[in-house]
Amino acid sequence: SVNADLTVHCGRIRKQIGRRQTGPAAPDASEEHTVNTVAEIMTTDVVAVEPQNSIATAIRLMRLGQMRRLPVVEDGVVVGIITSGDLRRITGLASVLKDPSQDNFLWHHIPVANAMSRDPISLPPDAPISAAARLLVEQKIGGLPIIEDGRLVGIITASDLLEALMDPADAPEPAA
C-alpha cells in the first residue's frame, strides 16, 4: 500500500499509517484468552491534533489514516475530540472526508478548537471493556480516548471492541 510507510506528524504524537499498533502483545492465536481491559485492545499509537491546528489539518490526517475521530491534545493533555461529524457540520459537506475536490482554502484558517467537542468522555486503561462498550452505546459515540495520569495513552473504538469479539482466524490483516 502507498500509505504503509507514510508517517504523519502533528504535535508530539505520530502514527505509522496503515500499521496499527494495539495494546500489549496479542496472545498466540492457539491460546484461549479472554480480553478483560481496555489496555488489551486499545490503539496505543494515536494520531492527534492540537487546538490551534486547522480543520484542514484534521481533515488531511483523517483522510490519510482512514479515521473518523482525532483526540485534541494540548501540552500532552486531552482537551477535546474532533470527529467526522464535527467536520461535516463545520464544512457543510457530507462527503468532506471522502471528496477532496470540494476542499476550501478557508479551512486552513479555522482552528480545530472551533469545531471540537470539549472535555470528551474518557476511560483509564485498566477499565473493563464492558465499561467502554456501555459508554459507546449509551453516549452514541464511536470512540473514547484512554487517559492515564492525565495523559493520552490510547484510543478505543467500536471497531476495536468488535475485533476483540472475533475469532483470531477471522481478524482482518493490518494494512500493508
N, C-alpha and C. Protein backbone atom coordinates (compact mmCIF):
# COMPACT_ATOMS: atom_id res chain seq x y z
N SER A 1 0.84 -1.19 0.00
CA SER A 1 0.00 0.00 0.00
C SER A 1 0.88 1.25 0.00
N VAL A 2 0.42 2.27 -0.67
CA VAL A 2 1.16 3.53 -0.75
C VAL A 2 1.31 4.15 0.62
N ASN A 3 0.30 4.00 1.47
CA ASN A 3 0.31 4.64 2.79
C ASN A 3 1.12 3.88 3.84
N ALA A 4 1.62 2.69 3.51
CA ALA A 4 2.26 1.84 4.52
C ALA A 4 3.41 2.54 5.24
N ASP A 5 4.21 3.30 4.54
CA ASP A 5 5.37 3.90 5.17
C ASP A 5 5.23 5.40 5.37
N LEU A 6 4.04 5.92 5.17
CA LEU A 6 3.80 7.34 5.34
C LEU A 6 3.67 7.65 6.82
N THR A 7 4.49 8.55 7.31
CA THR A 7 4.41 8.94 8.71
C THR A 7 3.77 10.31 8.79
N VAL A 8 2.75 10.43 9.62
CA VAL A 8 2.05 11.69 9.80
C VAL A 8 2.48 12.27 11.14
N HIS A 9 2.82 13.54 11.15
CA HIS A 9 3.21 14.22 12.39
C HIS A 9 2.23 15.34 12.68
N CYS A 10 1.88 15.46 13.92
CA CYS A 10 1.07 16.58 14.37
C CYS A 10 1.32 16.72 15.86
N GLY A 11 1.83 17.83 16.27
CA GLY A 11 2.19 17.97 17.68
C GLY A 11 3.32 17.00 17.99
N ARG A 12 3.24 16.31 19.12
CA ARG A 12 4.29 15.40 19.52
C ARG A 12 3.87 13.94 19.36
N ILE A 13 2.76 13.69 18.69
CA ILE A 13 2.25 12.33 18.58
C ILE A 13 2.32 11.91 17.12
N ARG A 14 2.73 10.69 16.84
CA ARG A 14 2.82 10.22 15.47
C ARG A 14 2.31 8.80 15.34
N LYS A 15 1.99 8.42 14.14
CA LYS A 15 1.49 7.07 13.87
C LYS A 15 1.93 6.66 12.49
N GLN A 16 2.32 5.41 12.36
CA GLN A 16 2.59 4.86 11.05
C GLN A 16 1.23 4.51 10.44
N ILE A 17 0.83 5.24 9.43
CA ILE A 17 -0.45 4.99 8.79
C ILE A 17 -0.40 3.61 8.15
N GLY A 18 -1.46 2.84 8.35
CA GLY A 18 -1.54 1.53 7.74
C GLY A 18 -0.91 0.43 8.59
N ARG A 19 -0.26 0.79 9.67
CA ARG A 19 0.33 -0.21 10.56
C ARG A 19 -0.18 0.06 11.96
N ARG A 20 -1.33 -0.42 12.25
CA ARG A 20 -1.98 -0.16 13.52
C ARG A 20 -1.30 -0.91 14.64
N GLN A 21 -0.95 -0.20 15.68
CA GLN A 21 -0.38 -0.84 16.85
C GLN A 21 -1.43 -0.82 17.93
N THR A 22 -1.56 -1.93 18.61
CA THR A 22 -2.53 -2.01 19.68
C THR A 22 -1.81 -2.27 20.98
N GLY A 23 -2.58 -2.38 22.04
CA GLY A 23 -2.07 -2.57 23.39
C GLY A 23 -1.10 -3.73 23.51
N PRO A 24 -0.90 -4.25 24.73
CA PRO A 24 0.08 -5.31 24.96
C PRO A 24 -0.05 -6.43 23.93
N ALA A 25 1.06 -7.09 23.69
CA ALA A 25 1.12 -8.11 22.64
C ALA A 25 -0.06 -9.06 22.70
N ALA A 26 -0.64 -9.28 21.54
CA ALA A 26 -1.78 -10.19 21.43
C ALA A 26 -1.32 -11.61 21.72
N PRO A 27 -2.17 -12.41 22.35
CA PRO A 27 -1.80 -13.78 22.65
C PRO A 27 -1.71 -14.60 21.36
N ASP A 28 -0.97 -15.68 21.43
CA ASP A 28 -0.89 -16.61 20.31
C ASP A 28 -2.30 -17.07 19.98
N ALA A 29 -2.62 -17.13 18.68
CA ALA A 29 -3.97 -17.49 18.25
C ALA A 29 -4.39 -18.86 18.77
N SER A 30 -3.41 -19.73 19.07
CA SER A 30 -3.76 -21.07 19.55
C SER A 30 -4.14 -21.08 21.02
N GLU A 31 -3.81 -20.01 21.74
CA GLU A 31 -4.13 -19.94 23.17
C GLU A 31 -5.53 -19.39 23.37
N GLU A 32 -6.20 -19.87 24.39
CA GLU A 32 -7.50 -19.33 24.77
C GLU A 32 -7.23 -18.11 25.63
N HIS A 33 -7.84 -16.98 25.30
CA HIS A 33 -7.58 -15.75 26.06
C HIS A 33 -8.86 -14.93 26.12
N THR A 34 -9.17 -14.45 27.29
CA THR A 34 -10.31 -13.57 27.45
C THR A 34 -9.79 -12.15 27.61
N VAL A 35 -10.32 -11.25 26.79
CA VAL A 35 -9.93 -9.85 26.88
C VAL A 35 -10.71 -9.23 28.02
N ASN A 36 -10.00 -8.58 28.92
CA ASN A 36 -10.65 -8.01 30.09
C ASN A 36 -10.62 -6.50 30.16
N THR A 37 -9.50 -5.90 29.78
CA THR A 37 -9.36 -4.46 29.95
C THR A 37 -9.18 -3.74 28.63
N VAL A 38 -9.49 -2.46 28.68
CA VAL A 38 -9.33 -1.58 27.53
C VAL A 38 -7.89 -1.62 27.02
N ALA A 39 -6.91 -1.68 27.93
CA ALA A 39 -5.49 -1.66 27.55
C ALA A 39 -5.14 -2.80 26.60
N GLU A 40 -5.85 -3.91 26.69
CA GLU A 40 -5.54 -5.07 25.86
C GLU A 40 -5.94 -4.89 24.40
N ILE A 41 -6.87 -3.99 24.12
CA ILE A 41 -7.34 -3.85 22.73
C ILE A 41 -7.27 -2.43 22.19
N MET A 42 -6.90 -1.47 23.01
CA MET A 42 -6.85 -0.08 22.54
C MET A 42 -5.72 0.12 21.54
N THR A 43 -5.86 1.12 20.71
CA THR A 43 -4.78 1.54 19.83
C THR A 43 -3.89 2.47 20.64
N THR A 44 -2.60 2.17 20.67
CA THR A 44 -1.69 2.95 21.52
C THR A 44 -0.89 3.99 20.75
N ASP A 45 -0.76 3.84 19.47
CA ASP A 45 -0.02 4.79 18.66
C ASP A 45 -1.03 5.74 18.03
N VAL A 46 -1.42 6.76 18.77
CA VAL A 46 -2.57 7.59 18.43
C VAL A 46 -2.17 8.82 17.62
N VAL A 47 -2.93 9.09 16.57
CA VAL A 47 -2.78 10.34 15.82
C VAL A 47 -3.67 11.37 16.53
N ALA A 48 -3.12 12.53 16.81
CA ALA A 48 -3.87 13.58 17.50
C ALA A 48 -3.55 14.92 16.86
N VAL A 49 -4.39 15.90 17.16
CA VAL A 49 -4.15 17.27 16.72
C VAL A 49 -4.16 18.17 17.94
N GLU A 50 -3.71 19.41 17.73
CA GLU A 50 -3.73 20.40 18.79
C GLU A 50 -4.84 21.40 18.49
N PRO A 51 -5.36 22.10 19.50
CA PRO A 51 -6.49 23.01 19.29
C PRO A 51 -6.23 24.08 18.24
N GLN A 52 -4.99 24.54 18.13
CA GLN A 52 -4.68 25.60 17.18
C GLN A 52 -4.46 25.07 15.76
N ASN A 53 -4.34 23.75 15.57
CA ASN A 53 -4.24 23.21 14.21
C ASN A 53 -5.51 23.54 13.45
N SER A 54 -5.40 23.64 12.14
CA SER A 54 -6.57 23.97 11.33
C SER A 54 -7.44 22.73 11.10
N ILE A 55 -8.71 22.97 10.77
CA ILE A 55 -9.56 21.83 10.43
C ILE A 55 -9.06 21.18 9.13
N ALA A 56 -8.37 21.93 8.29
CA ALA A 56 -7.77 21.34 7.08
C ALA A 56 -6.75 20.27 7.48
N THR A 57 -5.98 20.52 8.52
CA THR A 57 -5.02 19.53 9.02
C THR A 57 -5.75 18.30 9.54
N ALA A 58 -6.81 18.50 10.32
CA ALA A 58 -7.58 17.37 10.85
C ALA A 58 -8.18 16.54 9.71
N ILE A 59 -8.71 17.22 8.70
CA ILE A 59 -9.30 16.52 7.55
C ILE A 59 -8.23 15.69 6.84
N ARG A 60 -7.06 16.29 6.62
CA ARG A 60 -5.97 15.58 5.93
C ARG A 60 -5.54 14.35 6.72
N LEU A 61 -5.37 14.50 8.02
CA LEU A 61 -4.96 13.36 8.85
C LEU A 61 -6.01 12.25 8.85
N MET A 62 -7.28 12.64 8.95
CA MET A 62 -8.34 11.63 8.93
C MET A 62 -8.40 10.91 7.60
N ARG A 63 -8.23 11.65 6.52
CA ARG A 63 -8.24 11.01 5.20
C ARG A 63 -7.07 10.03 5.07
N LEU A 64 -5.88 10.48 5.44
CA LEU A 64 -4.69 9.64 5.30
C LEU A 64 -4.78 8.37 6.14
N GLY A 65 -5.27 8.51 7.35
CA GLY A 65 -5.34 7.37 8.26
C GLY A 65 -6.66 6.63 8.24
N GLN A 66 -7.58 7.08 7.39
CA GLN A 66 -8.93 6.50 7.33
C GLN A 66 -9.54 6.39 8.73
N MET A 67 -9.49 7.54 9.44
CA MET A 67 -10.01 7.62 10.80
C MET A 67 -11.24 8.50 10.83
N ARG A 68 -12.06 8.32 11.85
CA ARG A 68 -13.27 9.14 11.99
C ARG A 68 -13.23 10.05 13.20
N ARG A 69 -12.13 9.98 13.95
CA ARG A 69 -12.01 10.85 15.12
C ARG A 69 -10.55 11.04 15.47
N LEU A 70 -10.23 12.20 16.02
CA LEU A 70 -8.87 12.50 16.49
C LEU A 70 -8.97 13.16 17.86
N PRO A 71 -8.22 12.67 18.84
CA PRO A 71 -8.15 13.40 20.10
C PRO A 71 -7.47 14.75 19.86
N VAL A 72 -7.86 15.73 20.65
CA VAL A 72 -7.25 17.06 20.58
C VAL A 72 -6.44 17.21 21.87
N VAL A 73 -5.14 17.41 21.71
CA VAL A 73 -4.21 17.39 22.84
C VAL A 73 -3.49 18.73 22.93
N GLU A 74 -3.41 19.24 24.16
CA GLU A 74 -2.67 20.47 24.42
C GLU A 74 -1.73 20.21 25.58
N ASP A 75 -0.44 20.39 25.35
CA ASP A 75 0.58 20.11 26.37
C ASP A 75 0.43 18.70 26.94
N GLY A 76 0.12 17.74 26.07
CA GLY A 76 0.00 16.34 26.48
C GLY A 76 -1.31 15.95 27.12
N VAL A 77 -2.21 16.91 27.32
CA VAL A 77 -3.48 16.66 27.98
C VAL A 77 -4.61 16.71 26.94
N VAL A 78 -5.51 15.73 27.00
CA VAL A 78 -6.65 15.71 26.09
C VAL A 78 -7.63 16.80 26.49
N VAL A 79 -7.90 17.72 25.56
CA VAL A 79 -8.82 18.82 25.83
C VAL A 79 -10.09 18.72 24.98
N GLY A 80 -10.09 17.77 24.04
CA GLY A 80 -11.26 17.61 23.19
C GLY A 80 -11.10 16.44 22.25
N ILE A 81 -12.10 16.30 21.38
CA ILE A 81 -12.05 15.30 20.33
C ILE A 81 -12.75 15.90 19.12
N ILE A 82 -12.20 15.67 17.94
CA ILE A 82 -12.86 16.14 16.73
C ILE A 82 -13.23 14.92 15.91
N THR A 83 -14.46 14.89 15.46
CA THR A 83 -14.97 13.72 14.75
C THR A 83 -15.36 14.09 13.32
N SER A 84 -15.61 13.06 12.53
CA SER A 84 -16.07 13.30 11.16
C SER A 84 -17.37 14.08 11.18
N GLY A 85 -18.23 13.83 12.15
CA GLY A 85 -19.48 14.58 12.27
C GLY A 85 -19.25 16.05 12.53
N ASP A 86 -18.28 16.35 13.39
CA ASP A 86 -17.93 17.76 13.66
C ASP A 86 -17.46 18.44 12.38
N LEU A 87 -16.66 17.73 11.60
CA LEU A 87 -16.13 18.30 10.35
C LEU A 87 -17.22 18.45 9.31
N ARG A 88 -18.16 17.52 9.25
CA ARG A 88 -19.29 17.66 8.31
C ARG A 88 -20.12 18.88 8.68
N ARG A 89 -20.34 19.09 9.98
CA ARG A 89 -21.13 20.25 10.42
C ARG A 89 -20.45 21.57 10.08
N ILE A 90 -19.15 21.68 10.37
CA ILE A 90 -18.48 22.97 10.18
C ILE A 90 -18.22 23.28 8.71
N THR A 91 -18.06 22.24 7.88
CA THR A 91 -17.81 22.49 6.45
C THR A 91 -19.10 22.51 5.64
N GLY A 92 -20.16 21.90 6.18
CA GLY A 92 -21.41 21.82 5.44
C GLY A 92 -21.39 20.76 4.34
N LEU A 93 -20.37 19.89 4.38
CA LEU A 93 -20.23 18.86 3.34
C LEU A 93 -20.33 17.46 3.94
N ALA A 94 -21.29 16.70 3.48
CA ALA A 94 -21.45 15.33 3.97
C ALA A 94 -20.26 14.46 3.57
N SER A 95 -19.63 14.77 2.45
CA SER A 95 -18.53 13.94 1.94
C SER A 95 -17.16 14.54 2.21
N VAL A 96 -17.03 15.36 3.22
CA VAL A 96 -15.79 16.10 3.47
C VAL A 96 -14.57 15.19 3.59
N LEU A 97 -14.71 14.00 4.17
CA LEU A 97 -13.56 13.11 4.32
C LEU A 97 -13.31 12.25 3.09
N LYS A 98 -14.27 12.21 2.17
CA LYS A 98 -14.14 11.35 1.00
C LYS A 98 -13.83 12.11 -0.29
N ASP A 99 -14.18 13.39 -0.36
CA ASP A 99 -14.10 14.12 -1.62
C ASP A 99 -13.23 15.37 -1.52
N PRO A 100 -11.93 15.24 -1.80
CA PRO A 100 -11.04 16.41 -1.70
C PRO A 100 -11.30 17.47 -2.77
N SER A 101 -12.09 17.15 -3.78
CA SER A 101 -12.33 18.13 -4.85
C SER A 101 -13.08 19.35 -4.34
N GLN A 102 -13.76 19.24 -3.20
CA GLN A 102 -14.53 20.36 -2.67
C GLN A 102 -13.81 21.08 -1.52
N ASP A 103 -12.54 20.77 -1.32
CA ASP A 103 -11.79 21.42 -0.24
C ASP A 103 -11.79 22.94 -0.43
N ASN A 104 -11.77 23.63 0.68
CA ASN A 104 -11.88 25.08 0.68
C ASN A 104 -10.66 25.66 1.40
N PHE A 105 -10.01 26.64 0.80
CA PHE A 105 -8.81 27.24 1.41
C PHE A 105 -9.13 27.87 2.77
N LEU A 106 -10.38 28.23 3.01
CA LEU A 106 -10.74 28.83 4.29
C LEU A 106 -10.56 27.85 5.45
N TRP A 107 -10.61 26.57 5.16
CA TRP A 107 -10.46 25.56 6.22
C TRP A 107 -9.09 25.66 6.88
N HIS A 108 -8.12 26.24 6.20
CA HIS A 108 -6.78 26.42 6.78
C HIS A 108 -6.79 27.52 7.85
N HIS A 109 -7.87 28.28 7.93
CA HIS A 109 -7.95 29.40 8.88
C HIS A 109 -8.94 29.15 10.00
N ILE A 110 -9.52 27.96 10.06
CA ILE A 110 -10.46 27.63 11.13
C ILE A 110 -9.76 26.65 12.07
N PRO A 111 -9.53 27.06 13.33
CA PRO A 111 -8.85 26.15 14.25
C PRO A 111 -9.75 24.99 14.69
N VAL A 112 -9.11 23.87 14.95
CA VAL A 112 -9.81 22.69 15.46
C VAL A 112 -10.63 23.04 16.69
N ALA A 113 -10.12 23.95 17.53
CA ALA A 113 -10.82 24.35 18.75
C ALA A 113 -12.24 24.85 18.47
N ASN A 114 -12.48 25.40 17.27
CA ASN A 114 -13.81 25.91 16.93
C ASN A 114 -14.80 24.81 16.56
N ALA A 115 -14.30 23.61 16.30
CA ALA A 115 -15.18 22.53 15.85
C ALA A 115 -15.22 21.33 16.80
N MET A 116 -14.25 21.22 17.68
CA MET A 116 -14.13 20.02 18.53
C MET A 116 -15.17 19.99 19.64
N SER A 117 -15.39 18.80 20.16
CA SER A 117 -16.17 18.62 21.38
C SER A 117 -15.18 18.70 22.53
N ARG A 118 -15.49 19.55 23.51
CA ARG A 118 -14.57 19.75 24.63
C ARG A 118 -14.81 18.71 25.72
N ASP A 119 -13.77 18.45 26.50
CA ASP A 119 -13.84 17.54 27.64
C ASP A 119 -14.53 16.22 27.28
N PRO A 120 -13.93 15.46 26.36
CA PRO A 120 -14.58 14.21 25.93
C PRO A 120 -14.63 13.17 27.05
N ILE A 121 -15.60 12.30 26.95
CA ILE A 121 -15.69 11.16 27.86
C ILE A 121 -14.46 10.30 27.62
N SER A 122 -13.84 9.83 28.68
CA SER A 122 -12.64 9.01 28.55
C SER A 122 -12.66 7.90 29.59
N LEU A 123 -11.71 6.99 29.46
CA LEU A 123 -11.55 5.89 30.41
C LEU A 123 -10.08 5.69 30.71
N PRO A 124 -9.78 5.07 31.87
CA PRO A 124 -8.39 4.68 32.14
C PRO A 124 -8.11 3.34 31.45
N PRO A 125 -6.84 2.99 31.23
CA PRO A 125 -6.51 1.75 30.54
C PRO A 125 -6.93 0.48 31.27
N ASP A 126 -7.10 0.57 32.59
CA ASP A 126 -7.50 -0.63 33.33
C ASP A 126 -9.01 -0.82 33.41
N ALA A 127 -9.76 0.03 32.72
CA ALA A 127 -11.22 -0.10 32.72
C ALA A 127 -11.61 -1.39 31.98
N PRO A 128 -12.67 -2.05 32.44
CA PRO A 128 -13.12 -3.25 31.73
C PRO A 128 -13.68 -2.88 30.36
N ILE A 129 -13.52 -3.77 29.40
CA ILE A 129 -14.02 -3.47 28.06
C ILE A 129 -15.54 -3.32 28.08
N SER A 130 -16.21 -3.95 29.02
CA SER A 130 -17.67 -3.79 29.11
C SER A 130 -18.03 -2.34 29.42
N ALA A 131 -17.20 -1.65 30.20
CA ALA A 131 -17.45 -0.24 30.51
C ALA A 131 -17.30 0.61 29.24
N ALA A 132 -16.31 0.29 28.42
CA ALA A 132 -16.12 1.01 27.16
C ALA A 132 -17.32 0.78 26.25
N ALA A 133 -17.73 -0.47 26.13
CA ALA A 133 -18.87 -0.79 25.26
C ALA A 133 -20.13 -0.07 25.75
N ARG A 134 -20.34 -0.06 27.04
CA ARG A 134 -21.52 0.60 27.61
C ARG A 134 -21.52 2.09 27.30
N LEU A 135 -20.37 2.74 27.48
CA LEU A 135 -20.28 4.18 27.19
C LEU A 135 -20.52 4.48 25.71
N LEU A 136 -19.94 3.67 24.83
CA LEU A 136 -20.12 3.90 23.40
C LEU A 136 -21.60 3.81 23.02
N VAL A 137 -22.29 2.81 23.57
CA VAL A 137 -23.71 2.63 23.26
C VAL A 137 -24.56 3.72 23.91
N GLU A 138 -24.38 3.94 25.20
CA GLU A 138 -25.21 4.91 25.92
C GLU A 138 -25.02 6.34 25.41
N GLN A 139 -23.78 6.70 25.09
CA GLN A 139 -23.49 8.07 24.65
C GLN A 139 -23.60 8.24 23.13
N LYS A 140 -23.82 7.12 22.43
CA LYS A 140 -23.93 7.14 20.96
C LYS A 140 -22.68 7.78 20.34
N ILE A 141 -21.51 7.27 20.76
CA ILE A 141 -20.24 7.74 20.24
C ILE A 141 -19.47 6.54 19.69
N GLY A 142 -18.45 6.83 18.88
CA GLY A 142 -17.72 5.76 18.22
C GLY A 142 -16.35 5.47 18.80
N GLY A 143 -15.88 6.30 19.74
CA GLY A 143 -14.56 6.07 20.31
C GLY A 143 -14.34 6.88 21.57
N LEU A 144 -13.37 6.41 22.35
CA LEU A 144 -13.04 7.04 23.63
C LEU A 144 -11.53 7.19 23.77
N PRO A 145 -11.05 8.38 24.15
CA PRO A 145 -9.64 8.49 24.49
C PRO A 145 -9.38 7.72 25.79
N ILE A 146 -8.20 7.12 25.88
CA ILE A 146 -7.81 6.39 27.09
C ILE A 146 -6.73 7.22 27.77
N ILE A 147 -7.00 7.59 29.02
CA ILE A 147 -6.17 8.55 29.76
C ILE A 147 -5.57 7.86 30.99
N GLU A 148 -4.26 8.07 31.19
CA GLU A 148 -3.60 7.59 32.40
C GLU A 148 -2.73 8.71 32.94
N ASP A 149 -2.90 9.01 34.22
CA ASP A 149 -2.14 10.11 34.86
C ASP A 149 -2.28 11.40 34.07
N GLY A 150 -3.48 11.67 33.55
CA GLY A 150 -3.76 12.90 32.84
C GLY A 150 -3.25 12.95 31.41
N ARG A 151 -2.65 11.88 30.93
CA ARG A 151 -2.05 11.84 29.58
C ARG A 151 -2.75 10.83 28.68
N LEU A 152 -2.80 11.16 27.40
CA LEU A 152 -3.36 10.27 26.40
C LEU A 152 -2.44 9.07 26.20
N VAL A 153 -2.97 7.86 26.41
CA VAL A 153 -2.17 6.65 26.22
C VAL A 153 -2.75 5.74 25.14
N GLY A 154 -3.96 6.07 24.68
CA GLY A 154 -4.57 5.24 23.64
C GLY A 154 -5.95 5.74 23.27
N ILE A 155 -6.57 5.00 22.37
CA ILE A 155 -7.95 5.27 21.99
C ILE A 155 -8.60 3.92 21.74
N ILE A 156 -9.87 3.81 22.09
CA ILE A 156 -10.62 2.59 21.81
C ILE A 156 -11.86 2.97 21.02
N THR A 157 -12.14 2.18 20.00
CA THR A 157 -13.28 2.44 19.13
C THR A 157 -14.21 1.25 19.11
N ALA A 158 -15.39 1.47 18.55
CA ALA A 158 -16.34 0.38 18.39
C ALA A 158 -15.71 -0.73 17.56
N SER A 159 -14.93 -0.37 16.56
CA SER A 159 -14.25 -1.39 15.73
C SER A 159 -13.29 -2.22 16.57
N ASP A 160 -12.57 -1.60 17.51
CA ASP A 160 -11.66 -2.35 18.38
C ASP A 160 -12.44 -3.39 19.19
N LEU A 161 -13.59 -2.97 19.71
CA LEU A 161 -14.41 -3.89 20.51
C LEU A 161 -14.93 -5.04 19.66
N LEU A 162 -15.38 -4.74 18.46
CA LEU A 162 -15.88 -5.80 17.58
C LEU A 162 -14.76 -6.76 17.17
N GLU A 163 -13.59 -6.23 16.87
CA GLU A 163 -12.46 -7.09 16.52
C GLU A 163 -12.07 -8.00 17.68
N ALA A 164 -12.20 -7.51 18.91
CA ALA A 164 -11.87 -8.32 20.08
C ALA A 164 -12.82 -9.50 20.22
N LEU A 165 -14.03 -9.36 19.70
CA LEU A 165 -15.01 -10.44 19.76
C LEU A 165 -14.82 -11.49 18.67
N MET A 166 -14.08 -11.11 17.64
CA MET A 166 -13.91 -12.00 16.50
C MET A 166 -12.96 -13.15 16.84
N ASP A 167 -13.14 -14.26 16.16
CA ASP A 167 -12.21 -15.37 16.22
C ASP A 167 -10.90 -14.87 15.62
N PRO A 168 -9.74 -15.10 16.28
CA PRO A 168 -8.48 -14.60 15.74
C PRO A 168 -8.22 -15.00 14.28
N ALA A 169 -8.71 -16.13 13.87
CA ALA A 169 -8.51 -16.57 12.49
C ALA A 169 -9.27 -15.70 11.51
N ASP A 170 -10.33 -15.02 11.99
CA ASP A 170 -11.14 -14.17 11.13
C ASP A 170 -10.74 -12.70 11.19
N ALA A 171 -9.80 -12.36 12.08
CA ALA A 171 -9.41 -10.95 12.26
C ALA A 171 -8.80 -10.41 10.98
N PRO A 172 -9.10 -9.14 10.66
CA PRO A 172 -8.53 -8.54 9.45
C PRO A 172 -7.03 -8.37 9.57
N GLU A 173 -6.35 -8.52 8.45
CA GLU A 173 -4.91 -8.30 8.40
C GLU A 173 -4.64 -6.81 8.46
N PRO A 174 -3.58 -6.36 9.15
CA PRO A 174 -3.24 -4.94 9.13
C PRO A 174 -2.90 -4.55 7.70
N ALA A 175 -3.20 -3.31 7.36
CA ALA A 175 -2.89 -2.81 6.01
C ALA A 175 -1.39 -2.89 5.77
N ALA A 176 -1.02 -3.30 4.59
CA ALA A 176 0.42 -3.45 4.27
C ALA A 176 0.99 -2.14 3.79
